[in-house]
Amino acid sequence: MVTGGGTGIGLGITKMFVAHGAKVVISGRREGPLKEAVAALPNGSAAYITGDVRDFASCQKMVAKAVSEFGRLDVLVNNAAGNFVTPSEDLTPNAFKTVMDIDLHGSFNMAKASLEELKKTKGVVISISATLYYKVTPFQMHASAAKAAIDVMTNSIGVEWGAEHGIRSVSIAPGPIADTVGGPTGRVFGTGAKMPDIRTIVPIGRFGTVDDIASCVLFVASPAGSFINATQIVVDGGHWHEASNGFLRGKDFVRMKSDAERKAKGSGSDLSSAKL
């Protein structure tokens, strides 16, 4: 079951699962993208149901659809989310509540609605998180709070449901993923301005792809990832550290200072009070 499975990362996850033989039910609030997504997949490999993760009864219907369509539920992927940029002083209570309801409450609602079926299969809950709260991300207080809470929920479920029912729980935090609404050029963060050298943003020199995230989800859901539980996996090329720009700008200067110190030490100078 993949929530928000009709577009973006959710659709990429769905395609990856189907390509490896899984049967998938996707959900979302808009029927159009869901219907189009299923039509483009191999016949009989996927089905869809419209629904809103903010409503628990709707979540129960989604789970029932998965079981009635394919007989069981092994994997729940909490991917549905909402976001926008705004200074926290301009954030309205309703806007904050909306993001918390979709991201956090929606993830809990789906996990809770799936619990009885996941008990039967000793399944896994995989929630799409974010690195936003690892450091303060300006204009993202609402989403940061929601994703931080999702990670807490993930770990608690992994321990409690793992110990009692054998259910695993893992959250995956994407970095800047190209060609997505929440990516570096998408609606949320895209500015239209000329991008700097990509190495100043992501150390390995490229933005992520939807397949980078989908492959990680597949790995966690597979037998190969069966000992991963109650934790977070970051898939961001080193982006969240925000250190590569400082490295690239400062490398020549630091090297020059290091060479000078080595030469001074070689001539017998006292470096005990040296200042960088």
C-alpha atoms as a PDB file:
ATOM      1  CA  MET A   1       0.000   0.000   0.000  1.00  0.00           C
ATOM      2  CA  VAL A   2       1.496   3.340  -1.081  1.00  0.00           C
ATOM      3  CA  THR A   3      -0.254   6.545  -0.030  1.00  0.00           C
ATOM      4  CA  GLY A   4       0.222   9.444  -2.399  1.00  0.00           C
ATOM      5  CA  GLY A   5       1.145   6.798  -4.952  1.00  0.00           C
ATOM      6  CA  GLY A   6      -0.129   8.505  -8.073  1.00  0.00           C
ATOM      7  CA  THR A   7       2.662  11.035  -8.575  1.00  0.00           C
ATOM      8  CA  GLY A   8       6.262  11.867  -7.697  1.00  0.00           C
ATOM      9  CA  ILE A   9       8.157   9.713  -5.237  1.00  0.00           C
ATOM     10  CA  GLY A  10       5.054   7.654  -4.446  1.00  0.00           C
ATOM     11  CA  LEU A  11       4.622   6.707  -8.088  1.00  0.00           C
ATOM     12  CA  GLY A  12       8.318   5.880  -8.347  1.00  0.00           C
ATOM     13  CA  ILE A  13       8.036   3.566  -5.342  1.00  0.00           C
ATOM     14  CA  THR A  14       4.977   1.923  -6.886  1.00  0.00           C
ATOM     15  CA  LYS A  15       6.773   1.323 -10.178  1.00  0.00           C
ATOM     16  CA  MET A  16       9.794  -0.113  -8.377  1.00  0.00           C
ATOM     17  CA  PHE A  17       7.663  -2.550  -6.383  1.00  0.00           C
ATOM     18  CA  VAL A  18       5.746  -3.663  -9.469  1.00  0.00           C
ATOM     19  CA  ALA A  19       8.979  -4.133 -11.422  1.00  0.00           C
ATOM     20  CA  HIS A  20      10.081  -6.587  -8.727  1.00  0.00           C
ATOM     21  CA  GLY A  21       6.879  -8.604  -8.713  1.00  0.00           C
ATOM     22  CA  ALA A  22       4.812  -6.940  -6.003  1.00  0.00           C
ATOM     23  CA  LYS A  23       1.105  -6.179  -6.182  1.00  0.00           C
ATOM     24  CA  VAL A  24       0.419  -2.593  -5.139  1.00  0.00           C
ATOM     25  CA  VAL A  25      -2.584  -0.526  -4.140  1.00  0.00           C
ATOM     26  CA  ILE A  26      -2.066   3.230  -4.364  1.00  0.00           C
ATOM     27  CA  SER A  27      -4.167   5.943  -2.792  1.00  0.00           C
ATOM     28  CA  GLY A  28      -4.629   9.688  -2.993  1.00  0.00           C
ATOM     29  CA  ARG A  29      -7.273  12.375  -2.958  1.00  0.00           C
ATOM     30  CA  ARG A  30      -7.408  12.889  -6.739  1.00  0.00           C
ATOM     31  CA  GLU A  31      -8.688  10.054  -8.891  1.00  0.00           C
ATOM     32  CA  GLY A  32      -7.149  11.312 -12.140  1.00  0.00           C
ATOM     33  CA  PRO A  33      -3.452  10.723 -11.312  1.00  0.00           C
ATOM     34  CA  LEU A  34      -4.258   7.418  -9.605  1.00  0.00           C
ATOM     35  CA  LYS A  35      -6.231   6.091 -12.546  1.00  0.00           C
ATOM     36  CA  GLU A  36      -3.540   7.199 -14.995  1.00  0.00           C
ATOM     37  CA  ALA A  37      -0.786   5.600 -12.914  1.00  0.00           C
ATOM     38  CA  VAL A  38      -2.510   2.224 -12.692  1.00  0.00           C
ATOM     39  CA  ALA A  39      -3.342   2.250 -16.413  1.00  0.00           C
ATOM     40  CA  ALA A  40       0.351   2.678 -17.224  1.00  0.00           C
ATOM     41  CA  LEU A  41       1.397  -0.318 -15.123  1.00  0.00           C
ATOM     42  CA  PRO A  42       1.221  -3.983 -16.197  1.00  0.00           C
ATOM     43  CA  ASN A  43      -2.336  -5.287 -16.118  1.00  0.00           C
ATOM     44  CA  GLY A  44      -3.280  -6.740 -12.741  1.00  0.00           C
ATOM     45  CA  SER A  45      -0.206  -5.431 -10.930  1.00  0.00           C
ATOM     46  CA  ALA A  46      -1.838  -2.438  -9.249  1.00  0.00           C
ATOM     47  CA  ALA A  47      -5.131  -0.965  -8.146  1.00  0.00           C
ATOM     48  CA  TYR A  48      -6.162   2.368  -6.695  1.00  0.00           C
ATOM     49  CA  ILE A  49      -8.555   3.864  -4.208  1.00  0.00           C
ATOM     50  CA  THR A  50      -9.280   7.516  -3.507  1.00  0.00           C
ATOM     51  CA  GLY A  51      -9.147   8.639   0.082  1.00  0.00           C
ATOM     52  CA  ASP A  52      -7.806  11.120   2.583  1.00  0.00           C
ATOM     53  CA  VAL A  53      -5.215   9.985   5.134  1.00  0.00           C
ATOM     54  CA  ARG A  54      -6.482  12.638   7.557  1.00  0.00           C
ATOM     55  CA  ASP A  55      -9.671  10.611   7.986  1.00  0.00           C
ATOM     56  CA  PHE A  56      -9.243   7.320   9.863  1.00  0.00           C
ATOM     57  CA  ALA A  57     -12.337   5.718   8.339  1.00  0.00           C
ATOM     58  CA  SER A  58     -10.927   6.515   4.896  1.00  0.00           C
ATOM     59  CA  CYS A  59      -7.644   4.847   5.875  1.00  0.00           C
ATOM     60  CA  GLN A  60      -9.519   1.738   6.949  1.00  0.00           C
ATOM     61  CA  LYS A  61     -11.166   1.606   3.527  1.00  0.00           C
ATOM     62  CA  MET A  62      -7.757   1.875   1.850  1.00  0.00           C
ATOM     63  CA  VAL A  63      -6.430  -1.087   3.803  1.00  0.00           C
ATOM     64  CA  ALA A  64      -9.601  -3.076   3.098  1.00  0.00           C
ATOM     65  CA  LYS A  65      -9.122  -2.374  -0.616  1.00  0.00           C
ATOM     66  CA  ALA A  66      -5.577  -3.733  -0.535  1.00  0.00           C
ATOM     67  CA  VAL A  67      -6.673  -6.928   1.202  1.00  0.00           C
ATOM     68  CA  SER A  68      -9.754  -7.476  -0.953  1.00  0.00           C
ATOM     69  CA  GLU A  69      -7.761  -6.824  -4.133  1.00  0.00           C
ATOM     70  CA  PHE A  70      -4.660  -8.903  -3.407  1.00  0.00           C
ATOM     71  CA  GLY A  71      -5.413 -10.963  -0.303  1.00  0.00           C
ATOM     72  CA  ARG A  72      -2.905  -9.567   2.202  1.00  0.00           C
ATOM     73  CA  LEU A  73      -0.873  -6.550   3.245  1.00  0.00           C
ATOM     74  CA  ASP A  74       2.892  -6.895   3.675  1.00  0.00           C
ATOM     75  CA  VAL A  75       4.138  -3.334   3.261  1.00  0.00           C
ATOM     76  CA  LEU A  76       2.683   0.072   4.081  1.00  0.00           C
ATOM     77  CA  VAL A  77       4.452   3.103   2.625  1.00  0.00           C
ATOM     78  CA  ASN A  78       3.404   6.396   4.221  1.00  0.00           C
ATOM     79  CA  ASN A  79       4.246   8.796   1.436  1.00  0.00           C
ATOM     80  CA  ALA A  80       1.321  11.253   1.371  1.00  0.00           C
ATOM     81  CA  ALA A  81       2.453  14.714   2.474  1.00  0.00           C
ATOM     82  CA  GLY A  82       1.800  18.405   2.109  1.00  0.00           C
ATOM     83  CA  ASN A  83       4.224  21.330   2.266  1.00  0.00           C
ATOM     84  CA  PHE A  84       4.884  24.955   1.336  1.00  0.00           C
ATOM     85  CA  VAL A  85       7.409  27.629   2.321  1.00  0.00           C
ATOM     86  CA  THR A  86       6.564  30.416   4.742  1.00  0.00           C
ATOM     87  CA  PRO A  87       8.191  32.362   7.586  1.00  0.00           C
ATOM     88  CA  SER A  88       6.979  30.930  10.897  1.00  0.00           C
ATOM     89  CA  GLU A  89       5.572  34.320  11.914  1.00  0.00           C
ATOM     90  CA  ASP A  90       3.269  34.180   8.879  1.00  0.00           C
ATOM     91  CA  LEU A  91       2.223  30.570   9.470  1.00  0.00           C
ATOM     92  CA  THR A  92      -1.453  30.365  10.383  1.00  0.00           C
ATOM     93  CA  PRO A  93      -2.805  27.849  12.889  1.00  0.00           C
ATOM     94  CA  ASN A  94      -4.891  26.270  10.153  1.00  0.00           C
ATOM     95  CA  ALA A  95      -1.919  25.934   7.796  1.00  0.00           C
ATOM     96  CA  PHE A  96       0.192  24.351  10.547  1.00  0.00           C
ATOM     97  CA  LYS A  97      -2.641  21.973  11.406  1.00  0.00           C
ATOM     98  CA  THR A  98      -3.090  20.979   7.765  1.00  0.00           C
ATOM     99  CA  VAL A  99       0.529  19.885   7.390  1.00  0.00           C
ATOM    100  CA  MET A 100       0.504  18.051  10.717  1.00  0.00           C
ATOM    101  CA  ASP A 101      -2.776  16.343   9.804  1.00  0.00           C
ATOM    102  CA  ILE A 102      -1.542  15.100   6.433  1.00  0.00           C
ATOM    103  CA  ASP A 103       2.039  14.213   7.296  1.00  0.00           C
ATOM    104  CA  LEU A 104       1.934  13.086  10.926  1.00  0.00           C
ATOM    105  CA  HIS A 105      -1.682  12.181  11.661  1.00  0.00           C
ATOM    106  CA  GLY A 106      -2.014  10.631   8.205  1.00  0.00           C
ATOM    107  CA  SER A 107       1.001   8.403   8.808  1.00  0.00           C
ATOM    108  CA  PHE A 108      -0.337   7.349  12.206  1.00  0.00           C
ATOM    109  CA  ASN A 109      -3.838   6.773  10.839  1.00  0.00           C
ATOM    110  CA  MET A 110      -2.536   4.510   8.089  1.00  0.00           C
ATOM    111  CA  ALA A 111      -0.253   2.587  10.442  1.00  0.00           C
ATOM    112  CA  LYS A 112      -3.085   2.090  12.924  1.00  0.00           C
ATOM    113  CA  ALA A 113      -5.533   1.064  10.190  1.00  0.00           C
ATOM    114  CA  SER A 114      -2.986  -1.438   8.847  1.00  0.00           C
ATOM    115  CA  LEU A 115      -2.007  -2.948  12.180  1.00  0.00           C
ATOM    116  CA  GLU A 116      -4.241  -6.025  12.197  1.00  0.00           C
ATOM    117  CA  GLU A 117      -3.263  -6.987   8.651  1.00  0.00           C
ATOM    118  CA  LEU A 118       0.438  -6.346   9.266  1.00  0.00           C
ATOM    119  CA  LYS A 119       0.279  -8.594  12.341  1.00  0.00           C
ATOM    120  CA  LYS A 120      -0.693 -11.472  10.061  1.00  0.00           C
ATOM    121  CA  THR A 121       2.233 -10.956   7.701  1.00  0.00           C
ATOM    122  CA  LYS A 122       4.828  -9.579  10.139  1.00  0.00           C
ATOM    123  CA  GLY A 123       4.979  -6.681   7.732  1.00  0.00           C
ATOM    124  CA  VAL A 124       6.759  -3.342   7.644  1.00  0.00           C
ATOM    125  CA  VAL A 125       5.730   0.297   7.896  1.00  0.00           C
ATOM    126  CA  ILE A 126       7.946   2.590   5.817  1.00  0.00           C
ATOM    127  CA  SER A 127       7.390   6.319   6.262  1.00  0.00           C
ATOM    128  CA  ILE A 128       8.887   9.035   4.076  1.00  0.00           C
ATOM    129  CA  SER A 129      10.493  11.541   6.421  1.00  0.00           C
ATOM    130  CA  ALA A 130      12.937  14.420   5.841  1.00  0.00           C
ATOM    131  CA  THR A 131      16.217  15.870   7.100  1.00  0.00           C
ATOM    132  CA  LEU A 132      14.643  19.312   7.602  1.00  0.00           C
ATOM    133  CA  TYR A 133      14.815  19.200  11.386  1.00  0.00           C
ATOM    134  CA  TYR A 134      18.382  17.861  11.676  1.00  0.00           C
ATOM    135  CA  LYS A 135      19.355  21.518  11.511  1.00  0.00           C
ATOM    136  CA  VAL A 136      17.005  24.480  11.492  1.00  0.00           C
ATOM    137  CA  THR A 137      15.537  24.863   7.999  1.00  0.00           C
ATOM    138  CA  PRO A 138      14.108  28.382   7.691  1.00  0.00           C
ATOM    139  CA  PHE A 139      10.541  28.668   6.377  1.00  0.00           C
ATOM    140  CA  GLN A 140       9.921  24.982   7.121  1.00  0.00           C
ATOM    141  CA  MET A 141       8.960  24.941  10.804  1.00  0.00           C
ATOM    142  CA  HIS A 142       5.643  23.184  10.109  1.00  0.00           C
ATOM    143  CA  ALA A 143       7.065  20.428   7.910  1.00  0.00           C
ATOM    144  CA  SER A 144      10.121  20.029  10.145  1.00  0.00           C
ATOM    145  CA  ALA A 145       7.906  19.486  13.186  1.00  0.00           C
ATOM    146  CA  ALA A 146       5.776  16.939  11.348  1.00  0.00           C
ATOM    147  CA  LYS A 147       8.736  14.959  10.022  1.00  0.00           C
ATOM    148  CA  ALA A 148      10.476  14.972  13.404  1.00  0.00           C
ATOM    149  CA  ALA A 149       7.328  13.519  14.945  1.00  0.00           C
ATOM    150  CA  ILE A 150       7.099  10.904  12.184  1.00  0.00           C
ATOM    151  CA  ASP A 151      10.595   9.710  13.072  1.00  0.00           C
ATOM    152  CA  VAL A 152       9.653   9.454  16.755  1.00  0.00           C
ATOM    153  CA  MET A 153       6.522   7.512  15.789  1.00  0.00           C
ATOM    154  CA  THR A 154       8.589   5.282  13.499  1.00  0.00           C
ATOM    155  CA  ASN A 155      11.007   4.317  16.248  1.00  0.00           C
ATOM    156  CA  SER A 156       8.270   3.736  18.821  1.00  0.00           C
ATOM    157  CA  ILE A 157       6.286   1.520  16.448  1.00  0.00           C
ATOM    158  CA  GLY A 158       9.424  -0.399  15.526  1.00  0.00           C
ATOM    159  CA  VAL A 159      10.135  -1.192  19.155  1.00  0.00           C
ATOM    160  CA  GLU A 160       6.589  -1.799  20.429  1.00  0.00           C
ATOM    161  CA  TRP A 161       5.040  -3.491  17.414  1.00  0.00           C
ATOM    162  CA  GLY A 162       8.306  -5.224  16.634  1.00  0.00           C
ATOM    163  CA  ALA A 163       8.598  -6.800  20.062  1.00  0.00           C
ATOM    164  CA  GLU A 164       4.974  -7.881  20.214  1.00  0.00           C
ATOM    165  CA  HIS A 165       4.026  -8.594  16.610  1.00  0.00           C
ATOM    166  CA  GLY A 166       7.228  -8.801  14.538  1.00  0.00           C
ATOM    167  CA  ILE A 167       6.290  -5.646  12.603  1.00  0.00           C
ATOM    168  CA  ARG A 168       9.207  -3.466  11.506  1.00  0.00           C
ATOM    169  CA  SER A 169       9.095   0.316  11.121  1.00  0.00           C
ATOM    170  CA  VAL A 170      11.617   2.458   9.237  1.00  0.00           C
ATOM    171  CA  SER A 171      11.586   6.036   7.979  1.00  0.00           C
ATOM    172  CA  ILE A 172      13.500   7.227   4.936  1.00  0.00           C
ATOM    173  CA  ALA A 173      14.642  10.834   4.574  1.00  0.00           C
ATOM    174  CA  PRO A 174      15.168  11.994   0.981  1.00  0.00           C
ATOM    175  CA  GLY A 175      17.499  14.815   0.063  1.00  0.00           C
ATOM    176  CA  PRO A 176      16.911  17.143  -2.908  1.00  0.00           C
ATOM    177  CA  ILE A 177      15.181  14.919  -5.459  1.00  0.00           C
ATOM    178  CA  ALA A 178      14.989  16.189  -9.030  1.00  0.00           C
ATOM    179  CA  ASP A 179      11.702  16.447 -10.908  1.00  0.00           C
ATOM    180  CA  THR A 180       9.461  16.359  -7.823  1.00  0.00           C
ATOM    181  CA  VAL A 181       7.182  18.958  -6.273  1.00  0.00           C
ATOM    182  CA  GLY A 182       9.358  19.061  -3.158  1.00  0.00           C
ATOM    183  CA  GLY A 183      12.627  18.910  -5.088  1.00  0.00           C
ATOM    184  CA  PRO A 184      15.186  21.642  -5.794  1.00  0.00           C
ATOM    185  CA  THR A 185      13.292  22.970  -8.815  1.00  0.00           C
ATOM    186  CA  GLY A 186       9.769  22.052  -7.718  1.00  0.00           C
ATOM    187  CA  ARG A 187       6.920  24.134  -6.335  1.00  0.00           C
ATOM    188  CA  VAL A 188       8.035  24.119  -2.705  1.00  0.00           C
ATOM    189  CA  PHE A 189      11.732  24.987  -2.913  1.00  0.00           C
ATOM    190  CA  GLY A 190      12.279  26.007  -6.529  1.00  0.00           C
ATOM    191  CA  THR A 191      13.160  29.677  -7.020  1.00  0.00           C
ATOM    192  CA  GLY A 192      13.745  29.889 -10.731  1.00  0.00           C
ATOM    193  CA  ALA A 193      17.166  31.389 -10.022  1.00  0.00           C
ATOM    194  CA  LYS A 194      20.312  30.053 -11.640  1.00  0.00           C
ATOM    195  CA  MET A 195      21.598  27.088  -9.656  1.00  0.00           C
ATOM    196  CA  PRO A 196      25.130  27.288  -8.207  1.00  0.00           C
ATOM    197  CA  ASP A 197      27.726  24.573  -8.676  1.00  0.00           C
ATOM    198  CA  ILE A 198      25.832  21.467  -7.600  1.00  0.00           C
ATOM    199  CA  ARG A 199      28.825  20.360  -5.494  1.00  0.00           C
ATOM    200  CA  THR A 200      28.186  23.285  -3.140  1.00  0.00           C
ATOM    201  CA  ILE A 201      24.780  21.745  -2.360  1.00  0.00           C
ATOM    202  CA  VAL A 202      25.314  17.981  -2.621  1.00  0.00           C
ATOM    203  CA  PRO A 203      28.870  16.689  -2.058  1.00  0.00           C
ATOM    204  CA  ILE A 204      28.611  13.886  -4.623  1.00  0.00           C
ATOM    205  CA  GLY A 205      27.711  16.398  -7.337  1.00  0.00           C
ATOM    206  CA  ARG A 206      24.166  15.510  -8.351  1.00  0.00           C
ATOM    207  CA  PHE A 207      20.590  15.772  -7.189  1.00  0.00           C
ATOM    208  CA  GLY A 208      18.824  12.598  -6.236  1.00  0.00           C
ATOM    209  CA  THR A 209      16.347  10.760  -8.408  1.00  0.00           C
ATOM    210  CA  VAL A 210      12.999   9.221  -7.594  1.00  0.00           C
ATOM    211  CA  ASP A 211      14.598   5.827  -8.200  1.00  0.00           C
ATOM    212  CA  ASP A 212      17.188   6.533  -5.484  1.00  0.00           C
ATOM    213  CA  ILE A 213      14.367   6.709  -2.951  1.00  0.00           C
ATOM    214  CA  ALA A 214      12.340   3.887  -4.486  1.00  0.00           C
ATOM    215  CA  SER A 215      15.362   1.581  -4.455  1.00  0.00           C
ATOM    216  CA  CYS A 216      15.935   2.264  -0.765  1.00  0.00           C
ATOM    217  CA  VAL A 217      12.271   1.586   0.026  1.00  0.00           C
ATOM    218  CA  LEU A 218      12.459  -1.673  -1.912  1.00  0.00           C
ATOM    219  CA  PHE A 219      15.600  -2.708  -0.037  1.00  0.00           C
ATOM    220  CA  VAL A 220      14.040  -1.989   3.372  1.00  0.00           C
ATOM    221  CA  ALA A 221      10.901  -3.933   2.416  1.00  0.00           C
ATOM    222  CA  SER A 222      12.851  -6.906   1.058  1.00  0.00           C
ATOM    223  CA  PRO A 223      14.411  -9.836   2.924  1.00  0.00           C
ATOM    224  CA  ALA A 224      17.778  -8.109   2.468  1.00  0.00           C
ATOM    225  CA  GLY A 225      16.593  -5.314   4.752  1.00  0.00           C
ATOM    226  CA  SER A 226      14.775  -7.475   7.265  1.00  0.00           C
ATOM    227  CA  PHE A 227      17.096  -6.611  10.185  1.00  0.00           C
ATOM    228  CA  ILE A 228      16.564  -2.844   9.777  1.00  0.00           C
ATOM    229  CA  ASN A 229      14.052  -1.545  12.294  1.00  0.00           C
ATOM    230  CA  ALA A 230      13.168   1.471  14.441  1.00  0.00           C
ATOM    231  CA  THR A 231      15.558   3.819  12.674  1.00  0.00           C
ATOM    232  CA  GLN A 232      15.994   6.413   9.922  1.00  0.00           C
ATOM    233  CA  ILE A 233      17.843   6.065   6.620  1.00  0.00           C
ATOM    234  CA  VAL A 234      19.062   9.250   4.932  1.00  0.00           C
ATOM    235  CA  VAL A 235      19.235   9.193   1.130  1.00  0.00           C
ATOM    236  CA  ASP A 236      20.623  12.620   0.269  1.00  0.00           C
ATOM    237  CA  GLY A 237      24.181  12.379  -1.074  1.00  0.00           C
ATOM    238  CA  GLY A 238      25.485  14.122   2.058  1.00  0.00           C
ATOM    239  CA  HIS A 239      23.297  17.191   1.504  1.00  0.00           C
ATOM    240  CA  TRP A 240      22.005  17.792   5.029  1.00  0.00           C
ATOM    241  CA  HIS A 241      25.464  18.428   6.475  1.00  0.00           C
ATOM    242  CA  GLU A 242      25.648  21.626   4.371  1.00  0.00           C
ATOM    243  CA  ALA A 243      29.424  21.464   4.606  1.00  0.00           C
ATOM    244  CA  SER A 244      30.603  20.965   1.023  1.00  0.00           C
ATOM    245  CA  ASN A 245      30.389  24.656   0.115  1.00  0.00           C
ATOM    246  CA  GLY A 246      32.647  25.570   3.026  1.00  0.00           C
ATOM    247  CA  PHE A 247      35.059  22.824   2.043  1.00  0.00           C
ATOM    248  CA  LEU A 248      35.270  23.939  -1.575  1.00  0.00           C
ATOM    249  CA  ARG A 249      35.705  27.609  -0.664  1.00  0.00           C
ATOM    250  CA  GLY A 250      38.190  26.996   2.138  1.00  0.00           C
ATOM    251  CA  LYS A 251      40.328  24.153   0.831  1.00  0.00           C
ATOM    252  CA  ASP A 252      43.022  26.255  -0.879  1.00  0.00           C
ATOM    253  CA  PHE A 253      43.319  28.589   2.095  1.00  0.00           C
ATOM    254  CA  VAL A 254      43.568  25.728   4.608  1.00  0.00           C
ATOM    255  CA  ARG A 255      46.145  23.971   2.446  1.00  0.00           C
ATOM    256  CA  MET A 256      48.216  27.149   2.271  1.00  0.00           C
ATOM    257  CA  LYS A 257      48.106  27.548   6.058  1.00  0.00           C
ATOM    258  CA  SER A 258      48.985  23.886   6.595  1.00  0.00           C
ATOM    259  CA  ASP A 259      51.970  24.124   4.262  1.00  0.00           C
ATOM    260  CA  ALA A 260      53.175  27.233   6.072  1.00  0.00           C
ATOM    261  CA  GLU A 261      52.926  25.486   9.431  1.00  0.00           C
ATOM    262  CA  ARG A 262      54.791  22.440   8.199  1.00  0.00           C
ATOM    263  CA  LYS A 263      57.599  24.641   6.903  1.00  0.00           C
ATOM    264  CA  ALA A 264      57.707  26.562  10.161  1.00  0.00           C
ATOM    265  CA  LYS A 265      57.816  23.337  12.177  1.00  0.00           C
ATOM    266  CA  GLY A 266      60.588  22.040   9.982  1.00  0.00           C
ATOM    267  CA  SER A 267      62.676  25.108  10.797  1.00  0.00           C
ATOM    268  CA  GLY A 268      62.210  24.535  14.510  1.00  0.00           C
ATOM    269  CA  SER A 269      59.565  27.184  15.175  1.00  0.00           C
ATOM    270  CA  ASP A 270      57.350  26.859  18.257  1.00  0.00           C
ATOM    271  CA  LEU A 271      53.771  26.230  17.127  1.00  0.00           C
ATOM    272  CA  SER A 272      52.241  25.992  20.585  1.00  0.00           C
ATOM    273  CA  SER A 273      50.624  29.402  20.160  1.00  0.00           C
ATOM    274  CA  ALA A 274      49.959  29.198  16.432  1.00  0.00           C
ATOM    275  CA  LYS A 275      46.657  30.644  15.290  1.00  0.00           C
ATOM    276  CA  LEU A 276      44.754  29.527  12.229  1.00  0.00           C
END
